[in-house]
Amino acid sequence: MLSLFRKLMPREDRFFDYFEQHSRTVVGAAEALRSVLAGGPDLEKHCDRIVELENQADDITREVLLAVRRSFITPFDRGDIKDLIQSMDDAIDMMHKTVKTIRLYEQTQFEPGMQEMGETVVKAAHLIAEAIPLLDKVGVHATRLSAIAEEVTRVEGRSDELHDQGLKNLFKQYGKTDPMAYIIGSEIYGELEKVVDRFEDVANEISGIVIENV
């Protein structure tokens, strides 16, 4: 009966606008992170861009959480809305944390494995950005949403492989001769892995929404 009532009542659709706005900040930050990991003279500019986008994402997240409290009928469960936007925000927060580490240690050159992990971040971000608009008609797009979630999981698996291989390469190169270089490199690898882990969290939230609403 409650399900029928929800279908008959007008729903608050601005959440989808917020989700899409947030996903664009996440994609922009992912692409800026890839540019940071490429090194070069514009590194600081790309770092600043990530900080700027992370601030925008925080503003959008606050708007979503306020809208959840103010809205009578939401497009899907309030808890799912909160968990989705917060998991997306966690992803860009982790990118910001990675930039803070890079700046702390004044890193300007990055291992090839780190650059490959940057590519996995971008791929995961674009997959999430593709999925978000489809949630507006979750029943119609359930198959594609599930496929995207599975693809994000595969991307996360590839990120894990790059992380492990990167640590091995760092140890071979610096383990006995430059322990600080190994420590710094391993910290950056670890944070890049966590970025992709956060995208997998977003994918899991999307999968849960699909299951509950189809």
N, C-alpha and C. Protein backbone atom coordinates (compact mmCIF):
# COMPACT_ATOMS: atom_id res chain seq x y z
N MET A 1 0.82 -1.20 0.00
CA MET A 1 0.00 0.00 0.00
C MET A 1 0.86 1.26 0.00
N LEU A 2 1.93 1.24 0.83
CA LEU A 2 2.85 2.38 0.89
C LEU A 2 3.52 2.60 -0.45
N SER A 3 3.90 1.50 -1.11
CA SER A 3 4.54 1.60 -2.41
C SER A 3 3.62 2.26 -3.43
N LEU A 4 2.34 1.87 -3.42
CA LEU A 4 1.37 2.48 -4.33
C LEU A 4 1.19 3.96 -4.01
N PHE A 5 1.12 4.29 -2.74
CA PHE A 5 0.97 5.68 -2.32
C PHE A 5 2.13 6.53 -2.83
N ARG A 6 3.34 6.01 -2.72
CA ARG A 6 4.52 6.74 -3.17
C ARG A 6 4.48 6.98 -4.68
N LYS A 7 3.99 6.01 -5.42
CA LYS A 7 3.92 6.14 -6.88
C LYS A 7 2.89 7.19 -7.30
N LEU A 8 1.83 7.31 -6.53
CA LEU A 8 0.76 8.25 -6.88
C LEU A 8 1.10 9.69 -6.49
N MET A 9 1.92 9.85 -5.47
CA MET A 9 2.26 11.19 -5.00
C MET A 9 3.34 11.82 -5.88
N PRO A 10 3.30 13.15 -6.07
CA PRO A 10 4.38 13.82 -6.81
C PRO A 10 5.68 13.71 -6.03
N ARG A 11 6.76 13.40 -6.71
CA ARG A 11 8.03 13.22 -6.03
C ARG A 11 8.93 14.43 -6.27
N GLU A 12 9.93 14.56 -5.41
CA GLU A 12 10.89 15.64 -5.51
C GLU A 12 12.05 15.19 -6.41
N ASP A 13 12.13 15.77 -7.62
CA ASP A 13 13.10 15.30 -8.60
C ASP A 13 14.39 16.12 -8.64
N ARG A 14 14.49 17.16 -7.82
CA ARG A 14 15.72 17.95 -7.89
C ARG A 14 16.93 17.16 -7.40
N PHE A 15 16.68 16.05 -6.69
CA PHE A 15 17.81 15.22 -6.25
C PHE A 15 18.65 14.76 -7.43
N PHE A 16 18.01 14.45 -8.55
CA PHE A 16 18.76 13.98 -9.70
C PHE A 16 19.64 15.08 -10.28
N ASP A 17 19.17 16.31 -10.22
CA ASP A 17 20.01 17.44 -10.65
C ASP A 17 21.23 17.55 -9.75
N TYR A 18 21.02 17.41 -8.44
CA TYR A 18 22.14 17.47 -7.51
C TYR A 18 23.13 16.34 -7.75
N PHE A 19 22.59 15.12 -7.96
CA PHE A 19 23.47 13.98 -8.20
C PHE A 19 24.34 14.21 -9.44
N GLU A 20 23.71 14.72 -10.50
CA GLU A 20 24.46 14.94 -11.74
C GLU A 20 25.49 16.05 -11.57
N GLN A 21 25.12 17.10 -10.86
CA GLN A 21 26.09 18.16 -10.58
C GLN A 21 27.30 17.60 -9.83
N HIS A 22 27.01 16.80 -8.83
CA HIS A 22 28.10 16.22 -8.03
C HIS A 22 28.96 15.30 -8.88
N SER A 23 28.33 14.49 -9.71
CA SER A 23 29.11 13.56 -10.54
C SER A 23 30.03 14.32 -11.49
N ARG A 24 29.60 15.51 -11.94
CA ARG A 24 30.47 16.31 -12.81
C ARG A 24 31.69 16.83 -12.05
N THR A 25 31.49 17.20 -10.79
CA THR A 25 32.66 17.63 -10.00
C THR A 25 33.63 16.47 -9.80
N VAL A 26 33.08 15.28 -9.60
CA VAL A 26 33.92 14.10 -9.39
C VAL A 26 34.73 13.77 -10.66
N VAL A 27 34.08 13.84 -11.82
CA VAL A 27 34.79 13.59 -13.08
C VAL A 27 35.87 14.64 -13.29
N GLY A 28 35.54 15.90 -13.04
CA GLY A 28 36.53 16.96 -13.20
C GLY A 28 37.72 16.76 -12.29
N ALA A 29 37.47 16.37 -11.04
CA ALA A 29 38.57 16.13 -10.10
C ALA A 29 39.41 14.92 -10.53
N ALA A 30 38.75 13.88 -11.02
CA ALA A 30 39.48 12.69 -11.48
C ALA A 30 40.41 13.03 -12.65
N GLU A 31 39.90 13.82 -13.58
CA GLU A 31 40.73 14.20 -14.72
C GLU A 31 41.87 15.12 -14.30
N ALA A 32 41.61 15.99 -13.32
CA ALA A 32 42.68 16.84 -12.79
C ALA A 32 43.72 16.01 -12.06
N LEU A 33 43.28 14.97 -11.34
CA LEU A 33 44.23 14.10 -10.64
C LEU A 33 45.12 13.37 -11.64
N ARG A 34 44.53 12.91 -12.72
CA ARG A 34 45.33 12.28 -13.77
C ARG A 34 46.39 13.25 -14.28
N SER A 35 46.02 14.52 -14.45
CA SER A 35 46.97 15.53 -14.92
C SER A 35 48.05 15.79 -13.88
N VAL A 36 47.68 15.78 -12.59
CA VAL A 36 48.68 15.93 -11.53
C VAL A 36 49.73 14.83 -11.63
N LEU A 37 49.26 13.60 -11.81
CA LEU A 37 50.17 12.45 -11.84
C LEU A 37 51.04 12.42 -13.08
N ALA A 38 50.67 13.21 -14.09
CA ALA A 38 51.52 13.34 -15.27
C ALA A 38 52.71 14.26 -15.00
N GLY A 39 52.66 15.00 -13.88
CA GLY A 39 53.74 15.94 -13.56
C GLY A 39 53.67 17.15 -14.47
N GLY A 40 54.79 17.84 -14.62
CA GLY A 40 54.83 18.98 -15.52
C GLY A 40 54.60 20.31 -14.82
N PRO A 41 54.73 21.39 -15.56
CA PRO A 41 54.68 22.74 -14.96
C PRO A 41 53.31 23.15 -14.43
N ASP A 42 52.25 22.50 -14.89
CA ASP A 42 50.90 22.88 -14.46
C ASP A 42 50.38 22.06 -13.28
N LEU A 43 51.28 21.33 -12.64
CA LEU A 43 50.86 20.44 -11.55
C LEU A 43 50.08 21.19 -10.47
N GLU A 44 50.58 22.33 -10.03
CA GLU A 44 49.92 23.08 -8.96
C GLU A 44 48.54 23.58 -9.40
N LYS A 45 48.43 23.96 -10.64
CA LYS A 45 47.13 24.40 -11.16
C LYS A 45 46.11 23.27 -11.07
N HIS A 46 46.52 22.07 -11.40
CA HIS A 46 45.61 20.93 -11.34
C HIS A 46 45.27 20.58 -9.89
N CYS A 47 46.24 20.72 -9.00
CA CYS A 47 45.96 20.51 -7.57
C CYS A 47 44.92 21.51 -7.08
N ASP A 48 45.08 22.77 -7.45
CA ASP A 48 44.11 23.80 -7.06
C ASP A 48 42.73 23.48 -7.60
N ARG A 49 42.68 22.94 -8.80
CA ARG A 49 41.39 22.60 -9.40
C ARG A 49 40.67 21.52 -8.59
N ILE A 50 41.41 20.55 -8.10
CA ILE A 50 40.81 19.49 -7.28
C ILE A 50 40.25 20.07 -5.98
N VAL A 51 41.00 20.97 -5.36
CA VAL A 51 40.54 21.61 -4.13
C VAL A 51 39.25 22.40 -4.39
N GLU A 52 39.23 23.14 -5.49
CA GLU A 52 38.05 23.92 -5.86
C GLU A 52 36.83 23.02 -6.08
N LEU A 53 37.02 21.93 -6.81
CA LEU A 53 35.92 21.02 -7.09
C LEU A 53 35.44 20.30 -5.83
N GLU A 54 36.37 19.98 -4.96
CA GLU A 54 35.98 19.32 -3.72
C GLU A 54 35.11 20.24 -2.87
N ASN A 55 35.42 21.53 -2.87
CA ASN A 55 34.58 22.49 -2.15
C ASN A 55 33.19 22.58 -2.77
N GLN A 56 33.12 22.58 -4.11
CA GLN A 56 31.83 22.59 -4.79
C GLN A 56 31.02 21.34 -4.44
N ALA A 57 31.70 20.20 -4.42
CA ALA A 57 31.03 18.93 -4.10
C ALA A 57 30.47 18.96 -2.69
N ASP A 58 31.21 19.53 -1.75
CA ASP A 58 30.72 19.65 -0.37
C ASP A 58 29.44 20.48 -0.32
N ASP A 59 29.41 21.57 -1.09
CA ASP A 59 28.22 22.42 -1.12
C ASP A 59 27.01 21.65 -1.65
N ILE A 60 27.23 20.88 -2.71
CA ILE A 60 26.13 20.09 -3.29
C ILE A 60 25.65 19.04 -2.30
N THR A 61 26.58 18.40 -1.62
CA THR A 61 26.22 17.38 -0.63
C THR A 61 25.36 17.98 0.47
N ARG A 62 25.73 19.16 0.95
CA ARG A 62 24.92 19.83 1.97
C ARG A 62 23.51 20.12 1.46
N GLU A 63 23.40 20.54 0.20
CA GLU A 63 22.08 20.83 -0.38
C GLU A 63 21.22 19.56 -0.43
N VAL A 64 21.85 18.45 -0.77
CA VAL A 64 21.11 17.18 -0.82
C VAL A 64 20.61 16.79 0.56
N LEU A 65 21.47 16.90 1.56
CA LEU A 65 21.08 16.51 2.91
C LEU A 65 19.98 17.41 3.46
N LEU A 66 20.03 18.69 3.10
CA LEU A 66 18.94 19.60 3.48
C LEU A 66 17.64 19.23 2.76
N ALA A 67 17.75 18.93 1.48
CA ALA A 67 16.57 18.58 0.70
C ALA A 67 15.91 17.31 1.21
N VAL A 68 16.72 16.36 1.67
CA VAL A 68 16.16 15.12 2.23
C VAL A 68 15.27 15.43 3.42
N ARG A 69 15.71 16.36 4.26
CA ARG A 69 14.93 16.71 5.45
C ARG A 69 13.66 17.49 5.10
N ARG A 70 13.73 18.27 4.03
CA ARG A 70 12.61 19.16 3.70
C ARG A 70 11.57 18.53 2.77
N SER A 71 11.95 17.47 2.07
CA SER A 71 11.07 16.90 1.05
C SER A 71 10.08 15.91 1.66
N PHE A 72 8.84 15.98 1.18
CA PHE A 72 7.82 15.06 1.67
C PHE A 72 7.94 13.70 1.00
N ILE A 73 8.06 13.72 -0.34
CA ILE A 73 8.20 12.48 -1.09
C ILE A 73 9.52 12.52 -1.85
N THR A 74 10.37 11.55 -1.63
CA THR A 74 11.65 11.47 -2.31
C THR A 74 11.60 10.38 -3.38
N PRO A 75 12.46 10.45 -4.42
CA PRO A 75 12.38 9.48 -5.52
C PRO A 75 12.70 8.05 -5.09
N PHE A 76 13.53 7.91 -4.07
CA PHE A 76 13.73 6.61 -3.45
C PHE A 76 14.09 6.83 -1.99
N ASP A 77 14.37 5.77 -1.29
CA ASP A 77 14.54 5.81 0.16
C ASP A 77 15.50 6.92 0.60
N ARG A 78 15.13 7.65 1.65
CA ARG A 78 15.94 8.76 2.15
C ARG A 78 17.34 8.30 2.56
N GLY A 79 17.40 7.15 3.20
CA GLY A 79 18.70 6.62 3.60
C GLY A 79 19.58 6.33 2.40
N ASP A 80 18.98 5.82 1.32
CA ASP A 80 19.74 5.54 0.10
C ASP A 80 20.25 6.83 -0.53
N ILE A 81 19.43 7.87 -0.49
CA ILE A 81 19.86 9.16 -1.05
C ILE A 81 21.06 9.69 -0.28
N LYS A 82 20.97 9.65 1.05
CA LYS A 82 22.09 10.11 1.87
C LYS A 82 23.35 9.29 1.62
N ASP A 83 23.19 7.98 1.58
CA ASP A 83 24.36 7.10 1.41
C ASP A 83 24.99 7.30 0.03
N LEU A 84 24.15 7.51 -0.99
CA LEU A 84 24.68 7.69 -2.33
C LEU A 84 25.50 8.97 -2.43
N ILE A 85 24.94 10.09 -1.99
CA ILE A 85 25.66 11.36 -2.13
C ILE A 85 26.90 11.38 -1.24
N GLN A 86 26.83 10.75 -0.08
CA GLN A 86 27.99 10.75 0.81
C GLN A 86 29.10 9.85 0.27
N SER A 87 28.72 8.75 -0.38
CA SER A 87 29.75 7.89 -0.97
C SER A 87 30.42 8.60 -2.15
N MET A 88 29.65 9.34 -2.93
CA MET A 88 30.23 10.13 -4.02
C MET A 88 31.17 11.20 -3.45
N ASP A 89 30.73 11.82 -2.35
CA ASP A 89 31.55 12.86 -1.73
C ASP A 89 32.83 12.28 -1.15
N ASP A 90 32.75 11.05 -0.63
CA ASP A 90 33.95 10.39 -0.10
C ASP A 90 35.00 10.21 -1.20
N ALA A 91 34.54 9.94 -2.42
CA ALA A 91 35.49 9.73 -3.53
C ALA A 91 36.28 11.00 -3.82
N ILE A 92 35.60 12.13 -3.90
CA ILE A 92 36.32 13.37 -4.20
C ILE A 92 37.12 13.84 -2.98
N ASP A 93 36.63 13.55 -1.78
CA ASP A 93 37.40 13.86 -0.58
C ASP A 93 38.74 13.11 -0.59
N MET A 94 38.70 11.85 -1.05
CA MET A 94 39.92 11.05 -1.08
C MET A 94 40.89 11.59 -2.13
N MET A 95 40.36 12.11 -3.23
CA MET A 95 41.23 12.75 -4.21
C MET A 95 41.91 13.98 -3.61
N HIS A 96 41.14 14.75 -2.85
CA HIS A 96 41.70 15.92 -2.18
C HIS A 96 42.79 15.51 -1.20
N LYS A 97 42.55 14.43 -0.46
CA LYS A 97 43.56 13.95 0.49
C LYS A 97 44.82 13.53 -0.23
N THR A 98 44.68 12.91 -1.40
CA THR A 98 45.85 12.52 -2.18
C THR A 98 46.66 13.74 -2.59
N VAL A 99 45.97 14.78 -3.01
CA VAL A 99 46.64 16.03 -3.39
C VAL A 99 47.38 16.63 -2.19
N LYS A 100 46.77 16.57 -1.01
CA LYS A 100 47.42 17.12 0.18
C LYS A 100 48.71 16.36 0.48
N THR A 101 48.69 15.04 0.28
CA THR A 101 49.90 14.24 0.49
C THR A 101 50.98 14.61 -0.53
N ILE A 102 50.58 14.76 -1.78
CA ILE A 102 51.52 15.13 -2.84
C ILE A 102 52.17 16.48 -2.53
N ARG A 103 51.36 17.40 -2.06
CA ARG A 103 51.89 18.73 -1.72
C ARG A 103 52.76 18.68 -0.47
N LEU A 104 52.36 17.90 0.50
CA LEU A 104 53.12 17.79 1.74
C LEU A 104 54.54 17.33 1.47
N TYR A 105 54.68 16.34 0.60
CA TYR A 105 56.00 15.78 0.31
C TYR A 105 56.65 16.42 -0.92
N GLU A 106 55.98 17.45 -1.46
CA GLU A 106 56.52 18.21 -2.59
C GLU A 106 56.92 17.31 -3.77
N GLN A 107 55.99 16.42 -4.10
CA GLN A 107 56.24 15.49 -5.19
C GLN A 107 55.88 16.13 -6.53
N THR A 108 56.77 15.96 -7.49
CA THR A 108 56.53 16.51 -8.83
C THR A 108 56.67 15.45 -9.92
N GLN A 109 57.19 14.30 -9.56
CA GLN A 109 57.33 13.19 -10.51
C GLN A 109 56.70 11.95 -9.91
N PHE A 110 56.08 11.15 -10.77
CA PHE A 110 55.30 10.02 -10.29
C PHE A 110 55.61 8.77 -11.08
N GLU A 111 55.53 7.65 -10.38
CA GLU A 111 55.82 6.35 -10.99
C GLU A 111 54.80 6.02 -12.09
N PRO A 112 55.23 5.27 -13.09
CA PRO A 112 54.28 4.86 -14.14
C PRO A 112 53.05 4.14 -13.58
N GLY A 113 53.24 3.35 -12.53
CA GLY A 113 52.09 2.66 -11.92
C GLY A 113 51.10 3.63 -11.32
N MET A 114 51.59 4.73 -10.76
CA MET A 114 50.70 5.75 -10.22
C MET A 114 49.89 6.39 -11.33
N GLN A 115 50.55 6.64 -12.44
CA GLN A 115 49.87 7.24 -13.59
C GLN A 115 48.80 6.30 -14.14
N GLU A 116 49.11 4.99 -14.14
CA GLU A 116 48.09 4.02 -14.57
C GLU A 116 46.92 4.00 -13.59
N MET A 117 47.21 4.14 -12.31
CA MET A 117 46.11 4.18 -11.34
C MET A 117 45.27 5.44 -11.54
N GLY A 118 45.92 6.53 -11.95
CA GLY A 118 45.16 7.73 -12.29
C GLY A 118 44.16 7.47 -13.40
N GLU A 119 44.55 6.64 -14.36
CA GLU A 119 43.64 6.27 -15.44
C GLU A 119 42.45 5.47 -14.92
N THR A 120 42.69 4.60 -13.94
CA THR A 120 41.58 3.82 -13.38
C THR A 120 40.63 4.73 -12.61
N VAL A 121 41.16 5.77 -11.97
CA VAL A 121 40.31 6.74 -11.28
C VAL A 121 39.38 7.43 -12.27
N VAL A 122 39.95 7.87 -13.39
CA VAL A 122 39.16 8.55 -14.42
C VAL A 122 38.08 7.61 -14.98
N LYS A 123 38.48 6.37 -15.24
CA LYS A 123 37.51 5.42 -15.80
C LYS A 123 36.36 5.18 -14.83
N ALA A 124 36.69 4.99 -13.55
CA ALA A 124 35.64 4.77 -12.56
C ALA A 124 34.73 5.98 -12.44
N ALA A 125 35.31 7.18 -12.48
CA ALA A 125 34.52 8.41 -12.37
C ALA A 125 33.54 8.54 -13.53
N HIS A 126 34.00 8.23 -14.73
CA HIS A 126 33.12 8.33 -15.89
C HIS A 126 32.01 7.29 -15.84
N LEU A 127 32.31 6.11 -15.34
CA LEU A 127 31.27 5.08 -15.21
C LEU A 127 30.19 5.54 -14.23
N ILE A 128 30.60 6.10 -13.11
CA ILE A 128 29.62 6.59 -12.14
C ILE A 128 28.80 7.73 -12.74
N ALA A 129 29.46 8.62 -13.48
CA ALA A 129 28.75 9.74 -14.12
C ALA A 129 27.75 9.24 -15.15
N GLU A 130 28.04 8.12 -15.78
CA GLU A 130 27.07 7.54 -16.72
C GLU A 130 25.88 6.96 -15.96
N ALA A 131 26.15 6.36 -14.80
CA ALA A 131 25.09 5.69 -14.06
C ALA A 131 24.11 6.66 -13.41
N ILE A 132 24.61 7.77 -12.93
CA ILE A 132 23.77 8.67 -12.11
C ILE A 132 22.49 9.11 -12.81
N PRO A 133 22.53 9.59 -14.07
CA PRO A 133 21.27 10.02 -14.71
C PRO A 133 20.28 8.88 -14.91
N LEU A 134 20.79 7.65 -15.00
CA LEU A 134 19.91 6.51 -15.23
C LEU A 134 19.05 6.18 -14.01
N LEU A 135 19.45 6.68 -12.85
CA LEU A 135 18.67 6.42 -11.64
C LEU A 135 17.30 7.08 -11.66
N ASP A 136 17.13 8.07 -12.53
CA ASP A 136 15.83 8.74 -12.64
C ASP A 136 14.74 7.76 -13.06
N LYS A 137 15.12 6.76 -13.85
CA LYS A 137 14.17 5.70 -14.26
C LYS A 137 14.86 4.37 -14.00
N VAL A 138 15.01 4.07 -12.73
CA VAL A 138 15.84 2.94 -12.33
C VAL A 138 15.30 1.61 -12.88
N GLY A 139 13.99 1.46 -12.96
CA GLY A 139 13.44 0.22 -13.49
C GLY A 139 13.78 0.01 -14.95
N VAL A 140 13.69 1.07 -15.72
CA VAL A 140 13.99 1.00 -17.16
C VAL A 140 15.46 0.68 -17.39
N HIS A 141 16.33 1.23 -16.54
CA HIS A 141 17.77 1.14 -16.77
C HIS A 141 18.46 0.15 -15.83
N ALA A 142 17.71 -0.71 -15.21
CA ALA A 142 18.28 -1.61 -14.20
C ALA A 142 19.42 -2.46 -14.75
N THR A 143 19.25 -2.98 -15.95
CA THR A 143 20.28 -3.85 -16.53
C THR A 143 21.58 -3.09 -16.75
N ARG A 144 21.47 -1.90 -17.32
CA ARG A 144 22.68 -1.10 -17.56
C ARG A 144 23.32 -0.66 -16.25
N LEU A 145 22.52 -0.28 -15.28
CA LEU A 145 23.06 0.13 -13.99
C LEU A 145 23.83 -1.02 -13.32
N SER A 146 23.29 -2.21 -13.41
CA SER A 146 23.98 -3.37 -12.84
C SER A 146 25.28 -3.64 -13.57
N ALA A 147 25.26 -3.48 -14.90
CA ALA A 147 26.48 -3.69 -15.69
C ALA A 147 27.55 -2.66 -15.33
N ILE A 148 27.14 -1.42 -15.12
CA ILE A 148 28.10 -0.38 -14.74
C ILE A 148 28.72 -0.70 -13.39
N ALA A 149 27.89 -1.12 -12.44
CA ALA A 149 28.40 -1.46 -11.12
C ALA A 149 29.43 -2.59 -11.21
N GLU A 150 29.17 -3.57 -12.05
CA GLU A 150 30.11 -4.67 -12.24
C GLU A 150 31.41 -4.18 -12.87
N GLU A 151 31.31 -3.25 -13.81
CA GLU A 151 32.49 -2.71 -14.46
C GLU A 151 33.34 -1.91 -13.47
N VAL A 152 32.70 -1.16 -12.61
CA VAL A 152 33.45 -0.42 -11.58
C VAL A 152 34.20 -1.40 -10.68
N THR A 153 33.58 -2.51 -10.35
CA THR A 153 34.24 -3.53 -9.54
C THR A 153 35.47 -4.07 -10.25
N ARG A 154 35.37 -4.27 -11.56
CA ARG A 154 36.54 -4.74 -12.32
C ARG A 154 37.64 -3.68 -12.34
N VAL A 155 37.25 -2.43 -12.47
CA VAL A 155 38.23 -1.34 -12.44
C VAL A 155 38.93 -1.32 -11.08
N GLU A 156 38.16 -1.53 -10.03
CA GLU A 156 38.75 -1.55 -8.69
C GLU A 156 39.73 -2.71 -8.55
N GLY A 157 39.40 -3.85 -9.14
CA GLY A 157 40.31 -4.98 -9.11
C GLY A 157 41.62 -4.67 -9.83
N ARG A 158 41.52 -4.00 -10.97
CA ARG A 158 42.72 -3.60 -11.70
C ARG A 158 43.54 -2.61 -10.88
N SER A 159 42.87 -1.71 -10.18
CA SER A 159 43.56 -0.76 -9.32
C SER A 159 44.34 -1.49 -8.22
N ASP A 160 43.74 -2.51 -7.64
CA ASP A 160 44.43 -3.30 -6.62
C ASP A 160 45.70 -3.93 -7.18
N GLU A 161 45.61 -4.46 -8.40
CA GLU A 161 46.78 -5.07 -9.03
C GLU A 161 47.89 -4.05 -9.25
N LEU A 162 47.52 -2.87 -9.72
CA LEU A 162 48.50 -1.81 -9.96
C LEU A 162 49.14 -1.36 -8.64
N HIS A 163 48.33 -1.28 -7.60
CA HIS A 163 48.84 -0.91 -6.29
C HIS A 163 49.88 -1.91 -5.80
N ASP A 164 49.54 -3.20 -5.87
CA ASP A 164 50.46 -4.22 -5.37
C ASP A 164 51.75 -4.26 -6.18
N GLN A 165 51.62 -4.18 -7.50
CA GLN A 165 52.81 -4.20 -8.34
C GLN A 165 53.64 -2.93 -8.11
N GLY A 166 52.97 -1.82 -7.91
CA GLY A 166 53.67 -0.57 -7.66
C GLY A 166 54.51 -0.63 -6.40
N LEU A 167 53.94 -1.22 -5.34
CA LEU A 167 54.71 -1.35 -4.09
C LEU A 167 55.93 -2.24 -4.29
N LYS A 168 55.76 -3.32 -5.04
CA LYS A 168 56.90 -4.21 -5.32
C LYS A 168 57.99 -3.45 -6.07
N ASN A 169 57.59 -2.69 -7.07
CA ASN A 169 58.57 -1.93 -7.85
C ASN A 169 59.27 -0.88 -7.00
N LEU A 170 58.51 -0.23 -6.14
CA LEU A 170 59.12 0.76 -5.24
C LEU A 170 60.15 0.12 -4.33
N PHE A 171 59.79 -1.03 -3.79
CA PHE A 171 60.72 -1.70 -2.86
C PHE A 171 62.01 -2.10 -3.57
N LYS A 172 61.87 -2.63 -4.79
CA LYS A 172 63.06 -3.01 -5.55
C LYS A 172 63.95 -1.80 -5.85
N GLN A 173 63.30 -0.68 -6.14
CA GLN A 173 64.05 0.50 -6.55
C GLN A 173 64.62 1.28 -5.36
N TYR A 174 63.83 1.37 -4.27
CA TYR A 174 64.23 2.26 -3.18
C TYR A 174 64.35 1.59 -1.82
N GLY A 175 63.87 0.36 -1.69
CA GLY A 175 63.78 -0.27 -0.38
C GLY A 175 65.06 -0.24 0.43
N LYS A 176 66.18 -0.47 -0.23
CA LYS A 176 67.45 -0.56 0.49
C LYS A 176 68.30 0.70 0.38
N THR A 177 67.95 1.57 -0.56
CA THR A 177 68.79 2.74 -0.81
C THR A 177 68.15 4.06 -0.39
N ASP A 178 66.83 4.15 -0.43
CA ASP A 178 66.15 5.40 -0.13
C ASP A 178 64.80 5.10 0.52
N PRO A 179 64.84 4.73 1.82
CA PRO A 179 63.60 4.34 2.50
C PRO A 179 62.52 5.43 2.47
N MET A 180 62.91 6.70 2.53
CA MET A 180 61.91 7.76 2.53
C MET A 180 61.15 7.80 1.20
N ALA A 181 61.87 7.60 0.10
CA ALA A 181 61.21 7.56 -1.21
C ALA A 181 60.20 6.42 -1.26
N TYR A 182 60.57 5.29 -0.64
CA TYR A 182 59.65 4.15 -0.61
C TYR A 182 58.42 4.49 0.23
N ILE A 183 58.62 5.12 1.39
CA ILE A 183 57.50 5.45 2.28
C ILE A 183 56.54 6.42 1.60
N ILE A 184 57.11 7.46 0.98
CA ILE A 184 56.26 8.46 0.31
C ILE A 184 55.51 7.83 -0.85
N GLY A 185 56.23 7.06 -1.66
CA GLY A 185 55.60 6.42 -2.81
C GLY A 185 54.50 5.47 -2.39
N SER A 186 54.75 4.70 -1.34
CA SER A 186 53.73 3.73 -0.90
C SER A 186 52.50 4.44 -0.35
N GLU A 187 52.70 5.61 0.27
CA GLU A 187 51.55 6.36 0.77
C GLU A 187 50.69 6.88 -0.38
N ILE A 188 51.33 7.37 -1.43
CA ILE A 188 50.57 7.86 -2.59
C ILE A 188 49.84 6.70 -3.27
N TYR A 189 50.53 5.57 -3.43
CA TYR A 189 49.86 4.40 -4.01
C TYR A 189 48.64 4.01 -3.17
N GLY A 190 48.81 4.02 -1.85
CA GLY A 190 47.71 3.63 -0.97
C GLY A 190 46.51 4.54 -1.09
N GLU A 191 46.77 5.84 -1.22
CA GLU A 191 45.66 6.78 -1.31
C GLU A 191 44.96 6.69 -2.67
N LEU A 192 45.73 6.45 -3.72
CA LEU A 192 45.11 6.25 -5.03
C LEU A 192 44.21 5.01 -5.02
N GLU A 193 44.67 3.97 -4.35
CA GLU A 193 43.84 2.77 -4.24
C GLU A 193 42.54 3.08 -3.50
N LYS A 194 42.63 3.90 -2.46
CA LYS A 194 41.44 4.24 -1.68
C LYS A 194 40.46 5.07 -2.50
N VAL A 195 40.98 5.90 -3.41
CA VAL A 195 40.08 6.66 -4.30
C VAL A 195 39.19 5.70 -5.08
N VAL A 196 39.81 4.70 -5.69
CA VAL A 196 39.03 3.75 -6.49
C VAL A 196 38.12 2.90 -5.59
N ASP A 197 38.59 2.59 -4.39
CA ASP A 197 37.73 1.88 -3.43
C ASP A 197 36.45 2.67 -3.16
N ARG A 198 36.58 3.98 -3.05
CA ARG A 198 35.41 4.82 -2.78
C ARG A 198 34.44 4.77 -3.96
N PHE A 199 34.97 4.68 -5.18
CA PHE A 199 34.08 4.54 -6.34
C PHE A 199 33.34 3.21 -6.30
N GLU A 200 34.01 2.18 -5.82
CA GLU A 200 33.32 0.89 -5.68
C GLU A 200 32.19 1.02 -4.65
N ASP A 201 32.42 1.81 -3.61
CA ASP A 201 31.34 2.06 -2.63
C ASP A 201 30.14 2.71 -3.31
N VAL A 202 30.41 3.68 -4.19
CA VAL A 202 29.31 4.32 -4.93
C VAL A 202 28.56 3.28 -5.77
N ALA A 203 29.32 2.44 -6.46
CA ALA A 203 28.71 1.39 -7.29
C ALA A 203 27.84 0.46 -6.44
N ASN A 204 28.32 0.14 -5.24
CA ASN A 204 27.53 -0.73 -4.35
C ASN A 204 26.23 -0.04 -3.91
N GLU A 205 26.30 1.27 -3.67
CA GLU A 205 25.08 2.01 -3.33
C GLU A 205 24.09 1.97 -4.49
N ILE A 206 24.60 2.15 -5.71
CA ILE A 206 23.74 2.11 -6.89
C ILE A 206 23.10 0.73 -7.03
N SER A 207 23.89 -0.31 -6.83
CA SER A 207 23.35 -1.67 -6.91
C SER A 207 22.23 -1.88 -5.88
N GLY A 208 22.43 -1.34 -4.68
CA GLY A 208 21.41 -1.47 -3.65
C GLY A 208 20.12 -0.76 -4.02
N ILE A 209 20.26 0.42 -4.64
CA ILE A 209 19.07 1.16 -5.08
C ILE A 209 18.32 0.38 -6.14
N VAL A 210 19.08 -0.22 -7.08
CA VAL A 210 18.45 -1.03 -8.13
C VAL A 210 17.66 -2.19 -7.51
N ILE A 211 18.29 -2.89 -6.58
CA ILE A 211 17.65 -4.05 -5.95
C ILE A 211 16.36 -3.64 -5.24
N GLU A 212 16.40 -2.51 -4.54
CA GLU A 212 15.26 -2.09 -3.73
C GLU A 212 14.12 -1.49 -4.54
N ASN A 213 14.41 -1.05 -5.77
CA ASN A 213 13.41 -0.30 -6.52
C ASN A 213 12.95 -0.97 -7.82
N VAL A 214 13.40 -2.18 -8.07
CA VAL A 214 13.00 -2.89 -9.29
C VAL A 214 12.14 -4.09 -8.92
